[in-house]
Amino acid sequence: MKHRTLALFLMAGGVAAVCQSPGPLSEGLNRRYETARLNTLEAAEFMPAEHYQFRLSPAQRMYAEWLAHTVVMNYSMCAAIRGEPSPDVKEPPAANPKPELIAELGKSFAYCDEAYKSMNDQKAWQEREGRNRKYYPADMMINHIVALNEHYGNLVGYLRTKGITPPTTARAEKARKK
C-alpha cells in the first residue's frame, strides 16, 4: 500500500511538472521571439546615432521611426498575448536621442518578455475575445514574431546602405571564423 501511494504521488508530481512546462509550441515560439528581439535590439545599437534620422527614400520612415514604431507594436501585440488591454503608450519621438529610443525599445521588449515567458501550450490555445474579434494567443505570438522579422528586414536595408554589417550577418561571420 505504501508503494502504491508513493507511486501515485510521484506520478501526480510528474503530471504537474508536465502541465507546468511551456510545451513544444511555446518553447519554439519563445526561441523565435528571442532571436527577433536580439536582432532588433542589436540593429538599434549598430546604427550610429548620426544616422538615426536617415531615410532610404523620402517616402520611407527614418531609421528612428522604425524603432519608435516597433515600441508601440510591441506593447499592442504583447498586451493581446497577455490578454490585457493595450497600455496607453505613445510612439516615442523619432527625434529622441539614440540612447532614449533604445531604452524605450528595451522597456517594450521587457513587457513582451513577460508575455512570452508566462505562456504555455495550453494557454496559447485558449480562445480570447478582443480587438473586435476572437483570437488565440498563439496566433498573436506568430504575428508578433513575423512583424518583428519584417521590421528587422527593413532595418537591414538602412544598415547596409550605410556600410554597416547587420547583426545576423555579423554573428554568422563570427561563427565561421571560429
N, C-alpha and C. Protein backbone atom coordinates (compact mmCIF):
# COMPACT_ATOMS: atom_id res chain seq x y z
N MET A 1 0.82 -1.18 0.00
CA MET A 1 0.00 0.00 0.00
C MET A 1 0.87 1.26 0.00
N LYS A 2 1.94 1.25 0.79
CA LYS A 2 2.82 2.41 0.84
C LYS A 2 3.45 2.66 -0.52
N HIS A 3 3.84 1.56 -1.21
CA HIS A 3 4.46 1.70 -2.52
C HIS A 3 3.49 2.27 -3.54
N ARG A 4 2.23 1.83 -3.47
CA ARG A 4 1.22 2.33 -4.38
C ARG A 4 0.97 3.82 -4.14
N THR A 5 0.90 4.21 -2.90
CA THR A 5 0.70 5.63 -2.54
C THR A 5 1.88 6.47 -3.03
N LEU A 6 3.08 5.94 -2.82
CA LEU A 6 4.28 6.65 -3.27
C LEU A 6 4.28 6.77 -4.80
N ALA A 7 3.93 5.69 -5.49
CA ALA A 7 3.90 5.71 -6.95
C ALA A 7 2.88 6.73 -7.45
N LEU A 8 1.68 6.76 -6.85
CA LEU A 8 0.66 7.72 -7.25
C LEU A 8 1.13 9.16 -6.98
N PHE A 9 1.80 9.36 -5.87
CA PHE A 9 2.32 10.67 -5.51
C PHE A 9 3.35 11.13 -6.55
N LEU A 10 4.26 10.23 -6.92
CA LEU A 10 5.29 10.56 -7.89
C LEU A 10 4.69 10.82 -9.28
N MET A 11 3.70 10.00 -9.65
CA MET A 11 3.04 10.20 -10.94
C MET A 11 2.33 11.56 -10.97
N ALA A 12 1.65 11.89 -9.90
CA ALA A 12 0.95 13.18 -9.82
C ALA A 12 1.94 14.33 -9.94
N GLY A 13 3.09 14.19 -9.30
CA GLY A 13 4.13 15.21 -9.41
C GLY A 13 4.64 15.33 -10.82
N GLY A 14 4.79 14.21 -11.51
CA GLY A 14 5.24 14.22 -12.90
C GLY A 14 4.22 14.88 -13.81
N VAL A 15 2.95 14.59 -13.59
CA VAL A 15 1.90 15.22 -14.38
C VAL A 15 1.89 16.72 -14.13
N ALA A 16 2.04 17.12 -12.89
CA ALA A 16 2.07 18.54 -12.56
C ALA A 16 3.24 19.23 -13.23
N ALA A 17 4.39 18.56 -13.24
CA ALA A 17 5.57 19.15 -13.88
C ALA A 17 5.36 19.30 -15.38
N VAL A 18 4.73 18.31 -16.02
CA VAL A 18 4.46 18.38 -17.44
C VAL A 18 3.49 19.51 -17.74
N CYS A 19 2.45 19.65 -16.90
CA CYS A 19 1.46 20.71 -17.10
C CYS A 19 2.07 22.10 -16.94
N GLN A 20 3.12 22.21 -16.13
CA GLN A 20 3.74 23.50 -15.90
C GLN A 20 4.77 23.84 -16.97
N SER A 21 5.26 22.85 -17.71
CA SER A 21 6.25 23.13 -18.73
C SER A 21 5.58 23.88 -19.88
N PRO A 22 6.32 24.71 -20.57
CA PRO A 22 5.72 25.50 -21.64
C PRO A 22 5.11 24.66 -22.76
N GLY A 23 5.79 23.58 -23.14
CA GLY A 23 5.33 22.76 -24.25
C GLY A 23 6.08 23.12 -25.51
N PRO A 24 6.06 22.24 -26.50
CA PRO A 24 6.88 22.44 -27.70
C PRO A 24 6.50 23.68 -28.51
N LEU A 25 5.23 23.99 -28.62
CA LEU A 25 4.83 25.18 -29.37
C LEU A 25 5.35 26.43 -28.70
N SER A 26 5.07 26.58 -27.42
CA SER A 26 5.51 27.77 -26.69
C SER A 26 7.02 27.89 -26.64
N GLU A 27 7.69 26.77 -26.47
CA GLU A 27 9.16 26.81 -26.45
C GLU A 27 9.71 27.26 -27.79
N GLY A 28 9.14 26.74 -28.88
CA GLY A 28 9.58 27.13 -30.21
C GLY A 28 9.32 28.60 -30.50
N LEU A 29 8.13 29.06 -30.13
CA LEU A 29 7.81 30.48 -30.34
C LEU A 29 8.70 31.37 -29.48
N ASN A 30 9.00 30.94 -28.28
CA ASN A 30 9.91 31.71 -27.42
C ASN A 30 11.29 31.85 -28.06
N ARG A 31 11.79 30.75 -28.63
CA ARG A 31 13.12 30.81 -29.29
C ARG A 31 13.08 31.79 -30.47
N ARG A 32 12.01 31.74 -31.28
CA ARG A 32 11.90 32.63 -32.43
C ARG A 32 11.78 34.08 -31.97
N TYR A 33 11.02 34.30 -30.90
CA TYR A 33 10.87 35.65 -30.36
C TYR A 33 12.22 36.17 -29.86
N GLU A 34 12.94 35.34 -29.11
CA GLU A 34 14.23 35.78 -28.57
C GLU A 34 15.20 36.16 -29.68
N THR A 35 15.18 35.43 -30.79
CA THR A 35 16.05 35.76 -31.91
C THR A 35 15.63 37.09 -32.54
N ALA A 36 14.32 37.27 -32.77
CA ALA A 36 13.83 38.51 -33.37
C ALA A 36 14.11 39.69 -32.44
N ARG A 37 13.97 39.47 -31.15
CA ARG A 37 14.25 40.51 -30.15
C ARG A 37 15.73 40.91 -30.20
N LEU A 38 16.61 39.92 -30.19
CA LEU A 38 18.05 40.17 -30.26
C LEU A 38 18.41 40.93 -31.53
N ASN A 39 17.89 40.48 -32.67
CA ASN A 39 18.19 41.15 -33.94
C ASN A 39 17.79 42.61 -33.91
N THR A 40 16.60 42.89 -33.39
CA THR A 40 16.10 44.26 -33.36
C THR A 40 16.93 45.13 -32.43
N LEU A 41 17.21 44.62 -31.23
CA LEU A 41 17.99 45.41 -30.27
C LEU A 41 19.41 45.66 -30.78
N GLU A 42 20.01 44.65 -31.39
CA GLU A 42 21.37 44.84 -31.93
C GLU A 42 21.35 45.80 -33.12
N ALA A 43 20.32 45.72 -33.95
CA ALA A 43 20.23 46.66 -35.09
C ALA A 43 20.14 48.09 -34.58
N ALA A 44 19.42 48.29 -33.49
CA ALA A 44 19.32 49.62 -32.89
C ALA A 44 20.69 50.10 -32.40
N GLU A 45 21.46 49.18 -31.84
CA GLU A 45 22.80 49.52 -31.33
C GLU A 45 23.79 49.75 -32.47
N PHE A 46 23.71 48.95 -33.52
CA PHE A 46 24.71 49.00 -34.61
C PHE A 46 24.68 50.33 -35.37
N MET A 47 23.50 50.91 -35.54
CA MET A 47 23.40 52.15 -36.33
C MET A 47 23.93 53.32 -35.50
N PRO A 48 24.90 54.05 -36.03
CA PRO A 48 25.40 55.22 -35.31
C PRO A 48 24.29 56.27 -35.14
N ALA A 49 24.34 56.99 -34.05
CA ALA A 49 23.32 57.99 -33.71
C ALA A 49 23.12 59.00 -34.83
N GLU A 50 24.19 59.38 -35.51
CA GLU A 50 24.06 60.41 -36.55
C GLU A 50 23.24 59.93 -37.75
N HIS A 51 22.96 58.62 -37.84
CA HIS A 51 22.16 58.09 -38.95
C HIS A 51 20.74 57.72 -38.53
N TYR A 52 20.36 58.02 -37.33
CA TYR A 52 19.01 57.67 -36.87
C TYR A 52 17.92 58.45 -37.62
N GLN A 53 18.26 59.61 -38.19
CA GLN A 53 17.28 60.40 -38.94
C GLN A 53 17.32 60.09 -40.43
N PHE A 54 18.12 59.10 -40.82
CA PHE A 54 18.29 58.72 -42.22
C PHE A 54 17.05 58.01 -42.76
N ARG A 55 16.69 58.35 -44.00
CA ARG A 55 15.62 57.67 -44.74
C ARG A 55 16.22 57.07 -46.01
N LEU A 56 15.78 55.90 -46.37
CA LEU A 56 16.24 55.31 -47.64
C LEU A 56 15.69 56.09 -48.82
N SER A 57 14.48 56.60 -48.67
CA SER A 57 13.86 57.44 -49.69
C SER A 57 12.90 58.38 -48.97
N PRO A 58 12.49 59.47 -49.61
CA PRO A 58 11.59 60.41 -48.93
C PRO A 58 10.29 59.77 -48.43
N ALA A 59 9.81 58.74 -49.10
CA ALA A 59 8.54 58.11 -48.73
C ALA A 59 8.67 57.14 -47.55
N GLN A 60 9.88 56.78 -47.21
CA GLN A 60 10.06 55.78 -46.16
C GLN A 60 10.30 56.42 -44.80
N ARG A 61 10.11 55.58 -43.77
CA ARG A 61 10.36 56.04 -42.40
C ARG A 61 11.85 56.28 -42.19
N MET A 62 12.13 57.18 -41.25
CA MET A 62 13.51 57.33 -40.78
C MET A 62 13.84 56.07 -39.97
N TYR A 63 15.12 55.80 -39.84
CA TYR A 63 15.55 54.65 -39.04
C TYR A 63 14.94 54.72 -37.64
N ALA A 64 15.01 55.89 -37.03
CA ALA A 64 14.47 56.07 -35.68
C ALA A 64 12.97 55.82 -35.65
N GLU A 65 12.28 56.16 -36.72
CA GLU A 65 10.83 55.93 -36.77
C GLU A 65 10.49 54.44 -36.78
N TRP A 66 11.32 53.64 -37.43
CA TRP A 66 11.11 52.19 -37.39
C TRP A 66 11.20 51.69 -35.95
N LEU A 67 12.17 52.18 -35.22
CA LEU A 67 12.35 51.74 -33.83
C LEU A 67 11.18 52.22 -32.96
N ALA A 68 10.77 53.47 -33.15
CA ALA A 68 9.65 54.01 -32.38
C ALA A 68 8.37 53.24 -32.70
N HIS A 69 8.17 52.91 -33.96
CA HIS A 69 7.01 52.12 -34.37
C HIS A 69 7.04 50.73 -33.72
N THR A 70 8.20 50.15 -33.63
CA THR A 70 8.35 48.82 -33.02
C THR A 70 8.00 48.87 -31.54
N VAL A 71 8.32 49.96 -30.87
CA VAL A 71 7.97 50.11 -29.44
C VAL A 71 6.46 49.97 -29.27
N VAL A 72 5.70 50.74 -30.02
CA VAL A 72 4.24 50.73 -29.90
C VAL A 72 3.68 49.37 -30.31
N MET A 73 4.21 48.81 -31.38
CA MET A 73 3.75 47.49 -31.83
C MET A 73 3.96 46.45 -30.74
N ASN A 74 5.12 46.48 -30.09
CA ASN A 74 5.40 45.51 -29.04
C ASN A 74 4.36 45.58 -27.94
N TYR A 75 4.08 46.77 -27.46
CA TYR A 75 3.09 46.91 -26.39
C TYR A 75 1.72 46.43 -26.84
N SER A 76 1.32 46.81 -28.03
CA SER A 76 0.00 46.44 -28.52
C SER A 76 -0.15 44.93 -28.69
N MET A 77 0.79 44.32 -29.39
CA MET A 77 0.67 42.88 -29.67
C MET A 77 0.90 42.04 -28.41
N CYS A 78 1.81 42.45 -27.57
CA CYS A 78 2.09 41.67 -26.37
C CYS A 78 0.99 41.82 -25.33
N ALA A 79 0.27 42.92 -25.34
CA ALA A 79 -0.91 43.06 -24.48
C ALA A 79 -1.95 42.02 -24.89
N ALA A 80 -2.12 41.84 -26.20
CA ALA A 80 -3.08 40.83 -26.68
C ALA A 80 -2.63 39.43 -26.28
N ILE A 81 -1.34 39.16 -26.36
CA ILE A 81 -0.82 37.85 -25.93
C ILE A 81 -1.11 37.65 -24.45
N ARG A 82 -0.94 38.70 -23.68
CA ARG A 82 -1.16 38.62 -22.23
C ARG A 82 -2.64 38.62 -21.86
N GLY A 83 -3.51 38.98 -22.81
CA GLY A 83 -4.93 39.06 -22.52
C GLY A 83 -5.31 40.32 -21.78
N GLU A 84 -4.56 41.39 -22.03
CA GLU A 84 -4.78 42.66 -21.35
C GLU A 84 -5.11 43.74 -22.37
N PRO A 85 -5.74 44.80 -21.92
CA PRO A 85 -5.88 45.96 -22.82
C PRO A 85 -4.49 46.53 -23.11
N SER A 86 -4.33 47.06 -24.29
CA SER A 86 -3.05 47.64 -24.66
C SER A 86 -2.74 48.85 -23.78
N PRO A 87 -1.53 48.93 -23.23
CA PRO A 87 -1.17 50.11 -22.44
C PRO A 87 -1.26 51.37 -23.30
N ASP A 88 -1.57 52.46 -22.67
CA ASP A 88 -1.66 53.74 -23.38
C ASP A 88 -0.24 54.28 -23.57
N VAL A 89 0.40 53.79 -24.62
CA VAL A 89 1.79 54.17 -24.91
C VAL A 89 1.82 54.97 -26.19
N LYS A 90 2.43 56.09 -26.14
CA LYS A 90 2.59 56.93 -27.34
C LYS A 90 3.92 56.57 -28.01
N GLU A 91 3.92 56.69 -29.32
CA GLU A 91 5.15 56.42 -30.06
C GLU A 91 6.20 57.44 -29.65
N PRO A 92 7.38 56.96 -29.24
CA PRO A 92 8.43 57.91 -28.85
C PRO A 92 8.82 58.79 -30.03
N PRO A 93 9.09 60.04 -29.80
CA PRO A 93 9.51 60.91 -30.91
C PRO A 93 10.78 60.38 -31.57
N ALA A 94 10.76 60.36 -32.89
CA ALA A 94 11.93 59.89 -33.63
C ALA A 94 13.12 60.81 -33.44
N ALA A 95 12.85 62.03 -32.99
CA ALA A 95 13.94 62.98 -32.74
C ALA A 95 14.65 62.71 -31.41
N ASN A 96 14.11 61.78 -30.61
CA ASN A 96 14.79 61.43 -29.35
C ASN A 96 16.20 60.95 -29.64
N PRO A 97 17.12 61.21 -28.72
CA PRO A 97 18.48 60.69 -28.90
C PRO A 97 18.47 59.15 -28.91
N LYS A 98 19.45 58.60 -29.59
CA LYS A 98 19.59 57.15 -29.72
C LYS A 98 19.44 56.43 -28.38
N PRO A 99 20.13 56.84 -27.30
CA PRO A 99 20.01 56.11 -26.04
C PRO A 99 18.57 56.05 -25.51
N GLU A 100 17.83 57.15 -25.69
CA GLU A 100 16.44 57.16 -25.22
C GLU A 100 15.56 56.21 -26.03
N LEU A 101 15.75 56.18 -27.35
CA LEU A 101 14.97 55.26 -28.18
C LEU A 101 15.30 53.81 -27.85
N ILE A 102 16.57 53.53 -27.64
CA ILE A 102 16.96 52.16 -27.29
C ILE A 102 16.39 51.78 -25.93
N ALA A 103 16.37 52.70 -25.00
CA ALA A 103 15.79 52.43 -23.67
C ALA A 103 14.30 52.13 -23.79
N GLU A 104 13.57 52.90 -24.60
CA GLU A 104 12.14 52.67 -24.80
C GLU A 104 11.91 51.32 -25.49
N LEU A 105 12.75 51.00 -26.45
CA LEU A 105 12.66 49.71 -27.14
C LEU A 105 12.88 48.58 -26.14
N GLY A 106 13.88 48.74 -25.27
CA GLY A 106 14.17 47.73 -24.25
C GLY A 106 13.00 47.53 -23.30
N LYS A 107 12.35 48.63 -22.89
CA LYS A 107 11.19 48.52 -22.00
C LYS A 107 10.05 47.78 -22.68
N SER A 108 9.85 48.06 -23.97
CA SER A 108 8.77 47.38 -24.68
C SER A 108 9.06 45.88 -24.80
N PHE A 109 10.31 45.54 -24.99
CA PHE A 109 10.67 44.12 -25.06
C PHE A 109 10.56 43.47 -23.69
N ALA A 110 10.85 44.18 -22.62
CA ALA A 110 10.68 43.63 -21.27
C ALA A 110 9.21 43.30 -21.04
N TYR A 111 8.32 44.14 -21.51
CA TYR A 111 6.88 43.88 -21.41
C TYR A 111 6.52 42.61 -22.19
N CYS A 112 7.09 42.47 -23.37
CA CYS A 112 6.85 41.27 -24.19
C CYS A 112 7.48 40.03 -23.57
N ASP A 113 8.64 40.19 -22.97
CA ASP A 113 9.31 39.04 -22.34
C ASP A 113 8.37 38.35 -21.37
N GLU A 114 7.67 39.15 -20.57
CA GLU A 114 6.74 38.57 -19.59
C GLU A 114 5.60 37.83 -20.28
N ALA A 115 5.12 38.36 -21.38
CA ALA A 115 4.04 37.70 -22.11
C ALA A 115 4.49 36.34 -22.63
N TYR A 116 5.68 36.28 -23.20
CA TYR A 116 6.18 35.03 -23.76
C TYR A 116 6.55 34.03 -22.66
N LYS A 117 7.19 34.51 -21.60
CA LYS A 117 7.61 33.61 -20.52
C LYS A 117 6.43 33.01 -19.77
N SER A 118 5.33 33.72 -19.70
CA SER A 118 4.17 33.22 -18.96
C SER A 118 3.30 32.28 -19.79
N MET A 119 3.62 32.14 -21.06
CA MET A 119 2.79 31.35 -21.96
C MET A 119 3.18 29.88 -21.93
N ASN A 120 2.18 29.02 -22.02
CA ASN A 120 2.40 27.59 -22.24
C ASN A 120 1.44 27.15 -23.33
N ASP A 121 1.58 25.92 -23.80
CA ASP A 121 0.77 25.47 -24.92
C ASP A 121 -0.72 25.50 -24.61
N GLN A 122 -1.08 25.19 -23.39
CA GLN A 122 -2.50 25.19 -23.02
C GLN A 122 -3.07 26.62 -23.11
N LYS A 123 -2.37 27.58 -22.55
CA LYS A 123 -2.83 28.97 -22.60
C LYS A 123 -2.83 29.51 -24.03
N ALA A 124 -1.84 29.06 -24.82
CA ALA A 124 -1.69 29.55 -26.19
C ALA A 124 -2.91 29.24 -27.05
N TRP A 125 -3.65 28.19 -26.69
CA TRP A 125 -4.81 27.79 -27.48
C TRP A 125 -6.13 28.12 -26.80
N GLN A 126 -6.12 28.95 -25.78
CA GLN A 126 -7.36 29.39 -25.15
C GLN A 126 -7.90 30.60 -25.90
N GLU A 127 -9.05 30.40 -26.48
CA GLU A 127 -9.64 31.48 -27.28
C GLU A 127 -9.91 32.70 -26.41
N ARG A 128 -9.58 33.86 -26.99
CA ARG A 128 -9.81 35.13 -26.30
C ARG A 128 -10.65 36.03 -27.17
N GLU A 129 -11.25 36.97 -26.51
CA GLU A 129 -12.05 37.98 -27.21
C GLU A 129 -11.35 39.32 -27.03
N GLY A 130 -11.16 40.02 -28.10
CA GLY A 130 -10.52 41.33 -28.03
C GLY A 130 -10.22 41.84 -29.41
N ARG A 131 -9.93 43.11 -29.49
CA ARG A 131 -9.62 43.71 -30.79
C ARG A 131 -10.76 43.47 -31.79
N ASN A 132 -11.98 43.45 -31.26
CA ASN A 132 -13.19 43.26 -32.06
C ASN A 132 -13.26 41.92 -32.78
N ARG A 133 -12.61 40.92 -32.21
CA ARG A 133 -12.66 39.57 -32.80
C ARG A 133 -12.22 38.55 -31.78
N LYS A 134 -12.37 37.29 -32.14
CA LYS A 134 -11.84 36.20 -31.31
C LYS A 134 -10.47 35.83 -31.86
N TYR A 135 -9.58 35.47 -30.97
CA TYR A 135 -8.22 35.11 -31.39
C TYR A 135 -7.60 34.17 -30.36
N TYR A 136 -6.49 33.57 -30.74
CA TYR A 136 -5.70 32.72 -29.84
C TYR A 136 -4.36 33.41 -29.59
N PRO A 137 -3.84 33.35 -28.37
CA PRO A 137 -2.53 33.93 -28.11
C PRO A 137 -1.45 33.38 -29.05
N ALA A 138 -1.52 32.10 -29.40
CA ALA A 138 -0.51 31.52 -30.30
C ALA A 138 -0.49 32.26 -31.63
N ASP A 139 -1.66 32.59 -32.15
CA ASP A 139 -1.75 33.34 -33.40
C ASP A 139 -1.12 34.71 -33.25
N MET A 140 -1.39 35.38 -32.13
CA MET A 140 -0.83 36.71 -31.90
C MET A 140 0.69 36.62 -31.73
N MET A 141 1.19 35.56 -31.09
CA MET A 141 2.64 35.38 -30.94
C MET A 141 3.30 35.23 -32.31
N ILE A 142 2.70 34.42 -33.16
CA ILE A 142 3.24 34.22 -34.51
C ILE A 142 3.23 35.54 -35.28
N ASN A 143 2.11 36.27 -35.21
CA ASN A 143 2.03 37.56 -35.91
C ASN A 143 3.08 38.54 -35.39
N HIS A 144 3.31 38.53 -34.08
CA HIS A 144 4.30 39.43 -33.49
C HIS A 144 5.71 39.10 -33.99
N ILE A 145 6.05 37.83 -33.99
CA ILE A 145 7.38 37.41 -34.45
C ILE A 145 7.56 37.75 -35.93
N VAL A 146 6.54 37.51 -36.73
CA VAL A 146 6.61 37.85 -38.15
C VAL A 146 6.82 39.35 -38.32
N ALA A 147 6.07 40.16 -37.58
CA ALA A 147 6.20 41.61 -37.69
C ALA A 147 7.60 42.07 -37.26
N LEU A 148 8.12 41.49 -36.18
CA LEU A 148 9.48 41.85 -35.75
C LEU A 148 10.50 41.53 -36.84
N ASN A 149 10.35 40.37 -37.46
CA ASN A 149 11.28 39.99 -38.53
C ASN A 149 11.13 40.90 -39.75
N GLU A 150 9.90 41.32 -40.05
CA GLU A 150 9.71 42.27 -41.15
C GLU A 150 10.38 43.61 -40.83
N HIS A 151 10.22 44.08 -39.61
CA HIS A 151 10.86 45.34 -39.21
C HIS A 151 12.38 45.21 -39.29
N TYR A 152 12.89 44.08 -38.81
CA TYR A 152 14.33 43.87 -38.87
C TYR A 152 14.81 43.88 -40.33
N GLY A 153 14.06 43.26 -41.21
CA GLY A 153 14.42 43.27 -42.63
C GLY A 153 14.53 44.68 -43.18
N ASN A 154 13.63 45.56 -42.75
CA ASN A 154 13.72 46.96 -43.15
C ASN A 154 14.96 47.62 -42.58
N LEU A 155 15.24 47.36 -41.31
CA LEU A 155 16.41 47.96 -40.66
C LEU A 155 17.71 47.52 -41.34
N VAL A 156 17.74 46.29 -41.81
CA VAL A 156 18.93 45.77 -42.50
C VAL A 156 19.25 46.61 -43.73
N GLY A 157 18.22 46.99 -44.49
CA GLY A 157 18.45 47.84 -45.67
C GLY A 157 19.11 49.16 -45.32
N TYR A 158 18.68 49.75 -44.22
CA TYR A 158 19.27 51.02 -43.76
C TYR A 158 20.73 50.80 -43.34
N LEU A 159 20.96 49.73 -42.59
CA LEU A 159 22.32 49.45 -42.13
C LEU A 159 23.25 49.22 -43.32
N ARG A 160 22.84 48.40 -44.26
CA ARG A 160 23.70 48.09 -45.42
C ARG A 160 23.97 49.33 -46.27
N THR A 161 22.98 50.18 -46.41
CA THR A 161 23.17 51.42 -47.17
C THR A 161 24.25 52.29 -46.54
N LYS A 162 24.38 52.21 -45.23
CA LYS A 162 25.40 52.99 -44.52
C LYS A 162 26.72 52.20 -44.37
N GLY A 163 26.80 51.02 -45.03
CA GLY A 163 28.03 50.25 -44.98
C GLY A 163 28.23 49.48 -43.69
N ILE A 164 27.14 49.23 -42.97
CA ILE A 164 27.20 48.53 -41.68
C ILE A 164 26.71 47.10 -41.85
N THR A 165 27.49 46.16 -41.37
CA THR A 165 27.10 44.75 -41.42
C THR A 165 25.99 44.51 -40.40
N PRO A 166 24.84 43.97 -40.85
CA PRO A 166 23.73 43.72 -39.92
C PRO A 166 24.09 42.67 -38.86
N PRO A 167 23.40 42.69 -37.73
CA PRO A 167 23.71 41.76 -36.63
C PRO A 167 23.71 40.29 -37.03
N THR A 168 22.73 39.85 -37.81
CA THR A 168 22.67 38.43 -38.16
C THR A 168 23.88 38.03 -38.99
N THR A 169 24.26 38.87 -39.93
CA THR A 169 25.44 38.59 -40.76
C THR A 169 26.70 38.65 -39.91
N ALA A 170 26.80 39.61 -39.02
CA ALA A 170 27.97 39.74 -38.15
C ALA A 170 28.14 38.49 -37.28
N ARG A 171 27.02 37.98 -36.74
CA ARG A 171 27.10 36.76 -35.91
C ARG A 171 27.52 35.55 -36.75
N ALA A 172 26.98 35.46 -37.96
CA ALA A 172 27.33 34.33 -38.85
C ALA A 172 28.81 34.39 -39.23
N GLU A 173 29.30 35.58 -39.54
CA GLU A 173 30.73 35.72 -39.88
C GLU A 173 31.61 35.37 -38.70
N LYS A 174 31.22 35.78 -37.52
CA LYS A 174 31.98 35.48 -36.32
C LYS A 174 32.01 33.96 -36.06
N ALA A 175 30.89 33.29 -36.28
CA ALA A 175 30.82 31.85 -36.08
C ALA A 175 31.68 31.10 -37.08
N ARG A 176 31.76 31.59 -38.33
CA ARG A 176 32.59 30.95 -39.36
C ARG A 176 34.07 31.05 -39.03
N LYS A 177 34.46 32.14 -38.36
CA LYS A 177 35.88 32.35 -38.03
C LYS A 177 36.35 31.46 -36.90
N LYS A 178 35.44 30.91 -36.16
CA LYS A 178 35.82 30.06 -35.01
C LYS A 178 36.27 28.71 -35.45
